[in-house]
Structure formats: structure tokens, C-alpha cells
Amino acid sequence: MYSDFTFSIIKPNAVRTGKTGPILALINESGFEIEALRMVRMTVAQAESFYSIHKGKSFFDGLIEFMTSGPVVVMILRHDNAVEEFRKLIGATDPSKAAPGTIRKIYAVSVQMNAVHGSDSAENAVREADFFFSGVERFH
């Protein structure tokens, strides 16, 4: 039903260090179509709402601090089997365990500063895309 799109965030560390362009190029070169894209600076309240699934976990406060430390690039990506294909492209959350050539292997600094977020399911892709983009901004 929604398997043709996914949601992604280029995180503050990658934006801050000028990796947005190279990451977007890798995404395009891998066959993903960028359906919607914008740069935002999340407030603490927005980040807490977006990551509410992690509330109460030991890393939650650090995650919120990190994700509000600078602008991020949010996007909706279209591709056949988009969630699974994008998860392959970005690699493991821990960059030391990510496969060569993946975005996280190339651009991540650490588990927390792993350069990009990608939805882990079609349902979460819908929820996450709806958080940042209105229906008017989406082309499907």
C-alpha cells in the first residue's frame, strides 16, 4: 500500500559539516526520487513529539538535544520497496557495523550522530512524513 515511499532526515551533524549535497547525490544515484524536501530546525517540543516512541529510554534526552542542535533536512523518497531499499542504502545504525558504501559508513560519526534517519516500516514512513509535510506538499 505505501511501499513505494519512505521518509528520511539528514541529521544536524551531516548538515553542519556540509554533507547534505553528497548524501542527496547518493540517494538520487541509488534510484530514489525526492518527492518532497525541506530544511527545518526542530524545536524541543517537535523533537520530543517526533521521537515520542523512545521517551523514557536512556538515550532520549541526548537524542532530543542532538536533533535540535541545528537544522535538519527532511524528505519523502519514492522507490519500489522504498523502506527496505533505503534501509539497505543507509546501513546499520552503528557506522562501525554498516556495510561499505552505505551512507552511515561514509558519513556517520557515531551511533547517535549517524548522519541520516530512515523509516523502519511503511506505517512509520506515513506517520513521519505526515509529521513534516502536509498533503498539499506531497505528490502521491
C-alpha atoms as a PDB file:
ATOM      1  CA  MET A   1       0.000   0.000   0.000  1.00  0.00           C
ATOM      2  CA  TYR A   2       2.670   2.572   0.982  1.00  0.00           C
ATOM      3  CA  SER A   3       5.710   0.519  -0.021  1.00  0.00           C
ATOM      4  CA  ASP A   4       6.669   2.970  -2.747  1.00  0.00           C
ATOM      5  CA  PHE A   5       7.813   5.751  -0.401  1.00  0.00           C
ATOM      6  CA  THR A   6       9.821   6.306   2.729  1.00  0.00           C
ATOM      7  CA  PHE A   7      10.829   9.200   4.949  1.00  0.00           C
ATOM      8  CA  SER A   8      14.332  10.356   5.789  1.00  0.00           C
ATOM      9  CA  ILE A   9      16.137  13.013   7.798  1.00  0.00           C
ATOM     10  CA  ILE A  10      19.653  14.250   7.163  1.00  0.00           C
ATOM     11  CA  LYS A  11      20.720  14.911  10.745  1.00  0.00           C
ATOM     12  CA  PRO A  12      22.324  18.077  12.187  1.00  0.00           C
ATOM     13  CA  ASN A  13      25.904  16.809  12.136  1.00  0.00           C
ATOM     14  CA  ALA A  14      25.736  15.945   8.433  1.00  0.00           C
ATOM     15  CA  VAL A  15      24.072  19.274   7.582  1.00  0.00           C
ATOM     16  CA  ARG A  16      26.594  21.188   9.712  1.00  0.00           C
ATOM     17  CA  THR A  17      29.592  19.516   8.055  1.00  0.00           C
ATOM     18  CA  GLY A  18      28.374  20.109   4.504  1.00  0.00           C
ATOM     19  CA  LYS A  19      27.343  16.535   3.705  1.00  0.00           C
ATOM     20  CA  THR A  20      23.783  17.338   2.563  1.00  0.00           C
ATOM     21  CA  GLY A  21      24.724  17.564  -1.120  1.00  0.00           C
ATOM     22  CA  PRO A  22      26.776  14.357  -1.238  1.00  0.00           C
ATOM     23  CA  ILE A  23      24.079  12.453   0.684  1.00  0.00           C
ATOM     24  CA  LEU A  24      21.354  13.707  -1.664  1.00  0.00           C
ATOM     25  CA  ALA A  25      23.540  12.725  -4.639  1.00  0.00           C
ATOM     26  CA  LEU A  26      23.919   9.175  -3.264  1.00  0.00           C
ATOM     27  CA  ILE A  27      20.175   8.957  -2.751  1.00  0.00           C
ATOM     28  CA  ASN A  28      19.500  10.071  -6.339  1.00  0.00           C
ATOM     29  CA  GLU A  29      22.223   7.848  -7.797  1.00  0.00           C
ATOM     30  CA  SER A  30      20.631   4.890  -5.994  1.00  0.00           C
ATOM     31  CA  GLY A  31      17.388   5.393  -7.882  1.00  0.00           C
ATOM     32  CA  PHE A  32      15.327   7.263  -5.290  1.00  0.00           C
ATOM     33  CA  GLU A  33      13.137  10.122  -6.427  1.00  0.00           C
ATOM     34  CA  ILE A  34      12.866  13.024  -3.996  1.00  0.00           C
ATOM     35  CA  GLU A  35       9.157  13.737  -3.707  1.00  0.00           C
ATOM     36  CA  ALA A  36       9.333  16.437  -1.025  1.00  0.00           C
ATOM     37  CA  LEU A  37      12.229  18.136   0.743  1.00  0.00           C
ATOM     38  CA  ARG A  38      12.709  20.951   3.217  1.00  0.00           C
ATOM     39  CA  MET A  39      15.215  22.188   5.762  1.00  0.00           C
ATOM     40  CA  VAL A  40      13.840  22.740   9.260  1.00  0.00           C
ATOM     41  CA  ARG A  41      15.137  23.421  12.736  1.00  0.00           C
ATOM     42  CA  MET A  42      13.122  21.319  15.148  1.00  0.00           C
ATOM     43  CA  THR A  43      12.051  22.771  18.451  1.00  0.00           C
ATOM     44  CA  VAL A  44      12.439  20.661  21.582  1.00  0.00           C
ATOM     45  CA  ALA A  45       8.661  20.087  21.614  1.00  0.00           C
ATOM     46  CA  GLN A  46       8.675  18.940  17.976  1.00  0.00           C
ATOM     47  CA  ALA A  47      11.622  16.581  18.529  1.00  0.00           C
ATOM     48  CA  GLU A  48      10.015  15.138  21.671  1.00  0.00           C
ATOM     49  CA  SER A  49       6.801  14.534  19.755  1.00  0.00           C
ATOM     50  CA  PHE A  50       8.542  13.027  16.713  1.00  0.00           C
ATOM     51  CA  TYR A  51      10.663  10.689  18.876  1.00  0.00           C
ATOM     52  CA  SER A  52       7.950  10.011  21.498  1.00  0.00           C
ATOM     53  CA  ILE A  53       8.300   6.259  20.874  1.00  0.00           C
ATOM     54  CA  HIS A  54      11.702   6.497  22.612  1.00  0.00           C
ATOM     55  CA  LYS A  55      10.544   8.539  25.628  1.00  0.00           C
ATOM     56  CA  GLY A  56      11.854   7.032  28.855  1.00  0.00           C
ATOM     57  CA  LYS A  57      14.834   5.328  27.193  1.00  0.00           C
ATOM     58  CA  SER A  58      18.324   6.215  28.366  1.00  0.00           C
ATOM     59  CA  PHE A  59      19.272   7.915  25.099  1.00  0.00           C
ATOM     60  CA  PHE A  60      16.105  10.042  24.737  1.00  0.00           C
ATOM     61  CA  ASP A  61      17.397  13.301  26.237  1.00  0.00           C
ATOM     62  CA  GLY A  62      20.639  13.135  24.256  1.00  0.00           C
ATOM     63  CA  LEU A  63      18.702  12.394  21.074  1.00  0.00           C
ATOM     64  CA  ILE A  64      16.448  15.424  21.596  1.00  0.00           C
ATOM     65  CA  GLU A  65      19.433  17.669  22.356  1.00  0.00           C
ATOM     66  CA  PHE A  66      21.246  16.432  19.247  1.00  0.00           C
ATOM     67  CA  MET A  67      18.273  16.682  16.872  1.00  0.00           C
ATOM     68  CA  THR A  68      17.578  20.268  17.984  1.00  0.00           C
ATOM     69  CA  SER A  69      21.249  21.340  17.780  1.00  0.00           C
ATOM     70  CA  GLY A  70      20.950  22.594  14.211  1.00  0.00           C
ATOM     71  CA  PRO A  71      18.938  22.384  11.021  1.00  0.00           C
ATOM     72  CA  VAL A  72      17.950  19.048   9.502  1.00  0.00           C
ATOM     73  CA  VAL A  73      16.771  18.150   6.005  1.00  0.00           C
ATOM     74  CA  VAL A  74      13.548  16.147   5.940  1.00  0.00           C
ATOM     75  CA  MET A  75      12.373  14.367   2.821  1.00  0.00           C
ATOM     76  CA  ILE A  76       9.965  11.915   1.303  1.00  0.00           C
ATOM     77  CA  LEU A  77      11.629   9.473  -1.073  1.00  0.00           C
ATOM     78  CA  ARG A  78       9.938   7.360  -3.713  1.00  0.00           C
ATOM     79  CA  HIS A  79      11.258   3.991  -4.931  1.00  0.00           C
ATOM     80  CA  ASP A  80       9.944   0.454  -5.373  1.00  0.00           C
ATOM     81  CA  ASN A  81      10.008  -1.207  -1.947  1.00  0.00           C
ATOM     82  CA  ALA A  82      11.248   2.144  -0.618  1.00  0.00           C
ATOM     83  CA  VAL A  83      11.578   1.430   3.113  1.00  0.00           C
ATOM     84  CA  GLU A  84      13.614  -1.738   2.673  1.00  0.00           C
ATOM     85  CA  GLU A  85      15.735  -0.353  -0.165  1.00  0.00           C
ATOM     86  CA  PHE A  86      16.503   2.842   1.745  1.00  0.00           C
ATOM     87  CA  ARG A  87      17.439   0.896   4.884  1.00  0.00           C
ATOM     88  CA  LYS A  88      19.965  -1.001   2.735  1.00  0.00           C
ATOM     89  CA  LEU A  89      21.335   2.279   1.352  1.00  0.00           C
ATOM     90  CA  ILE A  90      21.801   3.919   4.749  1.00  0.00           C
ATOM     91  CA  GLY A  91      23.310   0.874   6.503  1.00  0.00           C
ATOM     92  CA  ALA A  92      23.384  -0.154  10.155  1.00  0.00           C
ATOM     93  CA  THR A  93      22.723   2.448  12.857  1.00  0.00           C
ATOM     94  CA  ASP A  94      26.218   1.822  14.217  1.00  0.00           C
ATOM     95  CA  PRO A  95      28.542   3.093  11.473  1.00  0.00           C
ATOM     96  CA  SER A  96      31.265   0.642  12.544  1.00  0.00           C
ATOM     97  CA  LYS A  97      28.847  -2.170  11.612  1.00  0.00           C
ATOM     98  CA  ALA A  98      27.473  -0.547   8.449  1.00  0.00           C
ATOM     99  CA  ALA A  99      28.316  -2.100   5.092  1.00  0.00           C
ATOM    100  CA  PRO A 100      30.903  -0.362   2.889  1.00  0.00           C
ATOM    101  CA  GLY A 101      29.383   2.230   0.583  1.00  0.00           C
ATOM    102  CA  THR A 102      26.344   2.909   2.789  1.00  0.00           C
ATOM    103  CA  ILE A 103      25.541   6.459   3.835  1.00  0.00           C
ATOM    104  CA  ARG A 104      26.200   5.769   7.509  1.00  0.00           C
ATOM    105  CA  LYS A 105      29.520   4.033   6.785  1.00  0.00           C
ATOM    106  CA  ILE A 106      30.665   7.018   4.724  1.00  0.00           C
ATOM    107  CA  TYR A 107      29.222   9.965   6.699  1.00  0.00           C
ATOM    108  CA  ALA A 108      28.325   8.892  10.253  1.00  0.00           C
ATOM    109  CA  VAL A 109      30.360   9.882  13.286  1.00  0.00           C
ATOM    110  CA  SER A 110      28.746   7.576  15.866  1.00  0.00           C
ATOM    111  CA  VAL A 111      25.554   5.660  16.640  1.00  0.00           C
ATOM    112  CA  GLN A 112      23.797   8.872  17.684  1.00  0.00           C
ATOM    113  CA  MET A 113      25.444  11.084  15.059  1.00  0.00           C
ATOM    114  CA  ASN A 114      24.764   8.598  12.261  1.00  0.00           C
ATOM    115  CA  ALA A 115      24.097  11.214   9.539  1.00  0.00           C
ATOM    116  CA  VAL A 116      20.617  10.025   8.477  1.00  0.00           C
ATOM    117  CA  HIS A 117      17.339   8.649   9.723  1.00  0.00           C
ATOM    118  CA  GLY A 118      15.238   6.319   7.607  1.00  0.00           C
ATOM    119  CA  SER A 119      11.792   4.977   8.428  1.00  0.00           C
ATOM    120  CA  ASP A 120      11.823   1.381   9.692  1.00  0.00           C
ATOM    121  CA  SER A 121       8.377   0.426   8.356  1.00  0.00           C
ATOM    122  CA  ALA A 122       5.809   1.577   5.814  1.00  0.00           C
ATOM    123  CA  GLU A 123       3.490   2.595   8.671  1.00  0.00           C
ATOM    124  CA  ASN A 124       6.190   4.731  10.296  1.00  0.00           C
ATOM    125  CA  ALA A 125       7.039   6.269   6.913  1.00  0.00           C
ATOM    126  CA  VAL A 126       3.447   7.523   6.690  1.00  0.00           C
ATOM    127  CA  ARG A 127       3.451   8.825  10.267  1.00  0.00           C
ATOM    128  CA  GLU A 128       6.858  10.502   9.916  1.00  0.00           C
ATOM    129  CA  ALA A 129       6.096  12.052   6.511  1.00  0.00           C
ATOM    130  CA  ASP A 130       2.788  13.391   7.837  1.00  0.00           C
ATOM    131  CA  PHE A 131       4.623  14.970  10.780  1.00  0.00           C
ATOM    132  CA  PHE A 132       6.645  17.254   8.489  1.00  0.00           C
ATOM    133  CA  PHE A 133       4.637  17.534   5.245  1.00  0.00           C
ATOM    134  CA  SER A 134       1.033  18.435   4.513  1.00  0.00           C
ATOM    135  CA  GLY A 135      -0.944  16.654   1.828  1.00  0.00           C
ATOM    136  CA  VAL A 136      -0.571  19.693  -0.439  1.00  0.00           C
ATOM    137  CA  GLU A 137       3.218  19.284  -0.371  1.00  0.00           C
ATOM    138  CA  ARG A 138       3.086  15.622  -1.359  1.00  0.00           C
ATOM    139  CA  PHE A 139       2.713  14.434  -4.912  1.00  0.00           C
ATOM    140  CA  HIS A 140       1.202  10.966  -4.425  1.00  0.00           C
END
